[in-house]
Protein backbone atom coordinates (compact mmCIF):
# COMPACT_ATOMS: atom_id res chain seq x y z
CA UNK A 1 130.72 -34.51 51.49
CA UNK A 2 126.94 -34.86 51.67
CA UNK A 3 125.02 -36.76 49.00
CA UNK A 4 121.39 -35.76 48.51
CA UNK A 5 118.60 -37.12 46.34
CA UNK A 6 116.48 -34.07 45.64
CA UNK A 7 112.72 -34.51 45.22
CA UNK A 8 109.74 -32.16 45.31
CA UNK A 9 108.33 -31.62 48.78
CA UNK A 10 105.04 -30.20 47.54
CA UNK A 11 104.32 -33.11 45.21
CA UNK A 12 105.42 -35.70 47.81
CA UNK A 13 104.27 -34.45 51.20
CA UNK A 14 103.97 -37.68 53.20
CA UNK A 15 106.58 -40.06 51.84
CA UNK A 16 109.75 -40.37 49.79
CA UNK A 17 108.82 -40.94 46.11
CA UNK A 18 109.65 -44.28 44.55
CA UNK A 19 112.59 -43.14 42.34
CA UNK A 20 114.32 -41.42 45.29
CA UNK A 21 113.81 -44.51 47.44
CA UNK A 22 115.23 -46.76 44.73
CA UNK A 23 118.29 -44.54 44.34
CA UNK A 24 118.88 -44.49 48.11
CA UNK A 25 118.59 -48.28 48.30
CA UNK A 26 120.93 -48.70 45.32
CA UNK A 27 123.43 -46.39 47.00
CA UNK A 28 123.28 -48.43 50.19
CA UNK A 29 123.94 -51.64 48.24
CA UNK A 30 126.95 -49.99 46.64
CA UNK A 31 128.31 -48.58 49.89
CA UNK A 32 127.13 -44.97 49.50
CA UNK A 33 124.93 -42.97 51.84
CA UNK A 34 122.41 -40.99 49.79
CA UNK A 35 119.83 -38.94 51.68
CA UNK A 36 116.44 -38.34 50.02
CA UNK A 37 115.65 -34.69 50.76
CA UNK A 38 112.74 -32.51 49.59
CA UNK A 39 113.44 -29.19 47.93
CA UNK A 40 111.37 -27.60 50.71
CA UNK A 41 114.11 -28.52 53.22
CA UNK A 42 116.54 -26.07 51.63
CA UNK A 43 116.16 -22.37 52.41
CA UNK A 44 118.40 -21.30 49.55
CA UNK A 45 119.89 -17.85 50.02
CA UNK A 46 121.30 -16.36 46.84
CA UNK A 47 124.94 -15.54 47.51
CA UNK A 48 124.62 -16.42 51.19
CA UNK A 49 125.19 -19.27 53.63
CA UNK A 50 123.27 -22.45 52.90
CA UNK A 51 122.74 -25.92 54.28
CA UNK A 52 124.61 -27.32 51.28
CA UNK A 53 128.24 -26.58 50.50
CA UNK A 54 130.92 -26.98 47.84
CA UNK A 55 131.74 -30.61 47.22
CA UNK A 56 128.28 -31.90 48.05
CA UNK A 57 126.57 -34.10 45.46
CA UNK A 58 122.91 -33.90 44.41
CA UNK A 59 121.06 -36.47 42.33
CA UNK A 60 118.19 -34.38 41.03
CA UNK A 61 114.73 -35.92 40.88
CA UNK A 62 112.92 -32.61 40.73
CA UNK A 63 112.48 -29.69 38.33
CA UNK A 64 113.40 -26.92 40.78
CA UNK A 65 115.81 -25.25 38.36
CA UNK A 66 116.26 -22.13 40.49
CA UNK A 67 117.34 -24.16 43.51
CA UNK A 68 119.68 -26.19 41.32
CA UNK A 69 121.29 -23.01 40.01
CA UNK A 70 121.89 -21.72 43.55
CA UNK A 71 123.42 -25.09 44.44
CA UNK A 72 125.70 -25.04 41.40
CA UNK A 73 126.80 -21.48 42.19
CA UNK A 74 127.83 -22.73 45.64
CA UNK A 75 129.97 -25.49 44.15
CA UNK A 76 127.55 -28.39 44.59
CA UNK A 77 127.88 -31.09 41.94
CA UNK A 78 124.38 -31.53 40.48
CA UNK A 79 123.25 -34.45 38.29
CA UNK A 80 121.43 -33.73 36.04
CA UNK A 81 122.67 -30.15 35.86
CA UNK A 82 120.29 -27.20 36.01
CA UNK A 83 120.63 -26.36 32.31
CA UNK A 84 119.75 -29.90 31.26
CA UNK A 85 116.77 -30.08 33.63
CA UNK A 86 115.50 -26.74 32.29
CA UNK A 87 115.73 -27.94 28.68
CA UNK A 88 113.82 -31.13 29.44
CA UNK A 89 111.21 -29.49 31.66
CA UNK A 90 110.03 -27.23 28.83
CA UNK A 91 109.01 -29.39 25.86
CA UNK A 92 109.36 -26.47 23.46
CA UNK A 93 112.98 -25.92 24.49
CA UNK A 94 113.64 -29.66 24.23
CA UNK A 95 112.52 -29.75 20.61
CA UNK A 96 114.34 -26.53 19.71
CA UNK A 97 117.63 -28.10 20.83
CA UNK A 98 116.89 -31.42 19.13
CA UNK A 99 116.03 -29.63 15.88
CA UNK A 100 119.24 -27.57 16.03
CA UNK A 101 121.15 -30.85 16.18
CA UNK A 102 119.18 -32.29 13.25
CA UNK A 103 117.66 -35.13 15.28
CA UNK A 104 114.41 -36.58 13.92
CA UNK A 105 111.16 -35.71 15.69
CA UNK A 106 107.51 -35.09 14.81
CA UNK A 107 106.75 -31.78 13.11
CA UNK A 108 106.27 -29.27 15.91
CA UNK A 109 104.76 -25.78 16.16
CA UNK A 110 105.23 -23.54 19.22
CA UNK A 111 102.24 -21.46 20.26
CA UNK A 112 102.77 -17.70 20.55
CA UNK A 113 103.14 -16.39 24.09
CA UNK A 114 100.19 -14.73 25.81
CA UNK A 115 100.28 -12.92 29.13
CA UNK A 116 96.73 -13.72 30.29
CA UNK A 117 94.35 -15.73 28.07
CA UNK A 118 94.70 -17.40 24.69
CA UNK A 119 92.17 -15.43 22.64
CA UNK A 120 91.12 -15.22 19.00
CA UNK A 121 94.31 -13.20 18.40
CA UNK A 122 96.06 -16.59 18.15
CA UNK A 123 93.70 -18.00 15.52
CA UNK A 124 96.12 -17.28 12.66
CA UNK A 125 98.68 -19.52 14.34
CA UNK A 126 96.12 -22.25 15.03
CA UNK A 127 94.85 -22.18 11.45
CA UNK A 128 98.35 -22.41 10.00
CA UNK A 129 99.42 -25.23 12.31
CA UNK A 130 96.21 -27.16 11.64
CA UNK A 131 96.61 -26.76 7.88
CA UNK A 132 100.22 -27.97 8.01
CA UNK A 133 99.74 -30.84 10.48
CA UNK A 134 96.20 -31.95 9.64
CA UNK A 135 93.87 -33.73 12.06
CA UNK A 136 94.20 -35.47 14.35
CA UNK A 137 97.11 -33.61 15.88
CA UNK A 138 98.68 -33.64 19.34
CA UNK A 139 98.59 -30.71 21.76
CA UNK A 140 101.10 -30.72 24.62
CA UNK A 141 101.47 -28.26 27.42
CA UNK A 142 105.13 -27.30 27.59
CA UNK A 143 105.24 -28.28 31.26
CA UNK A 144 103.80 -31.65 32.23
CA UNK A 145 104.65 -35.13 33.47
CA UNK A 146 103.54 -38.76 33.31
CA UNK A 147 101.77 -38.37 29.98
CA UNK A 148 99.36 -35.84 31.43
CA UNK A 149 98.80 -32.45 29.81
CA UNK A 150 98.88 -34.20 26.42
CA UNK A 151 95.75 -34.16 24.24
CA UNK A 152 94.67 -35.70 20.95
CA UNK A 153 92.84 -33.05 18.92
CA UNK A 154 90.42 -34.42 16.34
CA UNK A 155 89.06 -31.28 14.70
CA UNK A 156 89.13 -27.48 14.49
CA UNK A 157 86.51 -27.07 17.21
CA UNK A 158 88.53 -29.12 19.70
CA UNK A 159 91.66 -27.18 18.78
CA UNK A 160 90.02 -23.82 19.47
CA UNK A 161 88.41 -25.07 22.68
CA UNK A 162 91.63 -26.52 24.07
CA UNK A 163 93.71 -23.50 23.08
CA UNK A 164 91.30 -21.23 24.98
CA UNK A 165 91.49 -23.59 27.96
CA UNK A 166 95.28 -23.23 28.00
CA UNK A 167 94.81 -19.56 29.05
CA UNK A 168 98.42 -18.37 29.58
CA UNK A 169 100.04 -21.81 29.73
CA UNK A 170 102.54 -22.36 26.88
CA UNK A 171 101.95 -25.30 24.54
CA UNK A 172 103.13 -26.96 21.36
CA UNK A 173 101.27 -28.65 18.53
CA UNK A 174 102.72 -31.77 16.91
CA UNK A 175 101.84 -34.07 14.08
CA UNK A 176 100.08 -37.26 15.15
CA UNK A 177 102.32 -40.20 14.24
CA UNK A 178 99.65 -42.73 13.31
CA UNK A 179 102.13 -45.57 12.91
CA UNK A 180 102.97 -45.28 16.62
CA UNK A 181 99.49 -44.71 18.02
CA UNK A 182 99.24 -46.24 21.50
CA UNK A 183 102.83 -47.45 21.51
CA UNK A 184 106.35 -46.15 22.00
CA UNK A 185 109.76 -47.22 23.26
CA UNK A 186 111.60 -45.91 26.29
CA UNK A 187 115.38 -46.15 26.29
CA UNK A 188 117.12 -45.31 29.55
CA UNK A 189 120.49 -43.68 28.97
CA UNK A 190 123.13 -43.42 31.73
CA UNK A 191 126.55 -41.95 31.04
CA UNK A 192 126.19 -42.09 27.28
CA UNK A 193 125.05 -45.71 27.28
CA UNK A 194 121.60 -47.31 26.96
CA UNK A 195 121.33 -49.49 30.06
CA UNK A 196 117.72 -50.69 29.68
CA UNK A 197 114.80 -50.38 27.31
CA UNK A 198 111.15 -51.30 27.15
CA UNK A 199 108.34 -51.20 24.64
CA UNK A 200 105.20 -49.53 25.99
CA UNK A 201 101.71 -49.97 24.61
CA UNK A 202 98.11 -49.13 25.38
CA UNK A 203 94.95 -50.66 23.94
CA UNK A 204 92.75 -47.78 25.09
CA UNK A 205 94.75 -44.57 24.68
CA UNK A 206 96.90 -42.88 22.04
CA UNK A 207 99.49 -42.38 24.79
CA UNK A 208 101.55 -45.37 25.88
CA UNK A 209 102.61 -43.98 29.28
CA UNK A 210 102.32 -46.57 32.02
CA UNK A 211 101.05 -43.86 34.36
CA UNK A 212 98.17 -43.37 31.91
CA UNK A 213 97.27 -47.07 31.87
CA UNK A 214 99.84 -48.44 29.45
CA UNK A 215 101.86 -51.63 29.80
CA UNK A 216 105.53 -52.39 29.28
CA UNK A 217 107.70 -55.26 28.10
CA UNK A 218 111.46 -55.67 27.81
CA UNK A 219 112.84 -54.53 24.47
CA UNK A 220 116.15 -54.79 22.60
CA UNK A 221 116.59 -51.49 20.74
CA UNK A 222 118.13 -51.24 17.31
CA UNK A 223 121.48 -49.55 16.73
CA UNK A 224 119.65 -46.63 15.16
CA UNK A 225 117.44 -46.24 18.23
CA UNK A 226 120.42 -46.49 20.57
CA UNK A 227 122.35 -43.87 18.60
CA UNK A 228 119.34 -41.53 18.59
CA UNK A 229 118.71 -41.83 22.35
CA UNK A 230 122.38 -41.28 23.21
CA UNK A 231 122.59 -38.31 20.83
CA UNK A 232 119.52 -36.70 22.39
CA UNK A 233 121.09 -36.91 25.85
CA UNK A 234 124.37 -35.52 24.58
CA UNK A 235 122.66 -32.57 22.89
CA UNK A 236 120.65 -31.75 26.03
CA UNK A 237 123.61 -32.20 28.39
CA UNK A 238 122.09 -35.09 30.36
CA UNK A 239 123.99 -37.56 32.52
CA UNK A 240 120.95 -39.84 32.64
CA UNK A 241 117.46 -39.73 31.14
CA UNK A 242 114.56 -41.67 29.73
CA UNK A 243 114.23 -41.08 25.99
CA UNK A 244 110.84 -41.87 24.46
CA UNK A 245 110.85 -42.85 20.78
CA UNK A 246 107.98 -43.19 18.32
CA UNK A 247 107.92 -45.55 15.35
CA UNK A 248 107.76 -43.10 12.46
CA UNK A 249 107.01 -44.14 8.89
CA UNK A 250 110.68 -43.60 7.96
CA UNK A 251 112.38 -44.54 11.23
CA UNK A 252 112.39 -43.65 14.92
CA UNK A 253 111.37 -40.17 16.08
CA UNK A 254 112.11 -38.53 19.42
CA UNK A 255 108.89 -37.92 21.30
CA UNK A 256 110.18 -36.67 24.66
CA UNK A 257 113.28 -36.71 26.85
CA UNK A 258 112.79 -37.02 30.61
CA UNK A 259 115.55 -35.85 32.94
CA UNK A 260 113.98 -37.66 35.90
CA UNK A 261 112.12 -40.55 34.32
CA UNK A 262 110.52 -43.10 36.62
CA UNK A 263 112.19 -46.48 36.62
CA UNK A 264 109.90 -48.88 38.51
CA UNK A 265 108.16 -50.35 35.47
CA UNK A 266 111.40 -50.52 33.51
CA UNK A 267 113.20 -52.36 36.30
CA UNK A 268 110.26 -54.71 36.75
CA UNK A 269 109.97 -55.77 33.12
CA UNK A 270 113.72 -55.92 32.37
CA UNK A 271 115.20 -57.01 35.71
CA UNK A 272 117.90 -54.34 35.29
CA UNK A 273 118.94 -52.23 38.29
CA UNK A 274 118.58 -48.84 36.61
CA UNK A 275 118.92 -46.98 39.91
CA UNK A 276 122.18 -48.79 40.56
CA UNK A 277 123.46 -47.83 37.11
CA UNK A 278 122.75 -44.17 37.86
CA UNK A 279 124.41 -44.25 41.30
CA UNK A 280 127.47 -46.07 39.97
CA UNK A 281 127.91 -43.57 37.17
CA UNK A 282 127.44 -40.45 39.27
CA UNK A 283 129.43 -41.49 42.34
CA UNK A 284 132.20 -43.65 40.89
């Protein structure tokens, strides 16, 4: 049996990314040999012979859903599975599943699909969403990471300008949760259990992401927050994930769910070996 930690070879061309390195080191401490491997190292033939084989294990730290599906069809055990990664990679699909389960989240509108550019044909949608959500509102590209591709829209002019700039990229519009501006909470769930949590905050940005300049501190989540984070992972079929919660006026709201959330800041501010928790759960 081979155990791989899958990461993106285009995004990380010269070195193993920090999460994959942490997982490999945690595996070594626990007596497992986990090999960080870029997705570019696998020439995946659909229905053919491949480098991987049935019984292999993959800890996925990438969003290469097609490769994951080929691996699963071959009998490889993939964590998180391809379906879960696909649901988390597309923010619109994430919120559709959360809404079906009745989990609380900000009001969310999905932009209509365009094949080329987002033109004035979409103005009816923009006008309706703006009227319902009010300004400011939040625009998110459906595919994005590290708090990037997320924009605070202050007025109708900015909304039209940013929608045109999206061209054919799908996006959602969400209500701006003023009570949680510049702050959120990340709960890391592994195997149906919250293993670590931190409060994130920024004094200069409406986003609290540490990659966008935010800061983190250890946090003890409430039972309601724990239940919400665990439920989100269950609904999306995740073995492990970072669940980001906002402080809504009537309780916590799910902002995003990350199938391959970074763990460096969380481990630093809590002292908890999150990578070890993941390896123990997957390989026990």
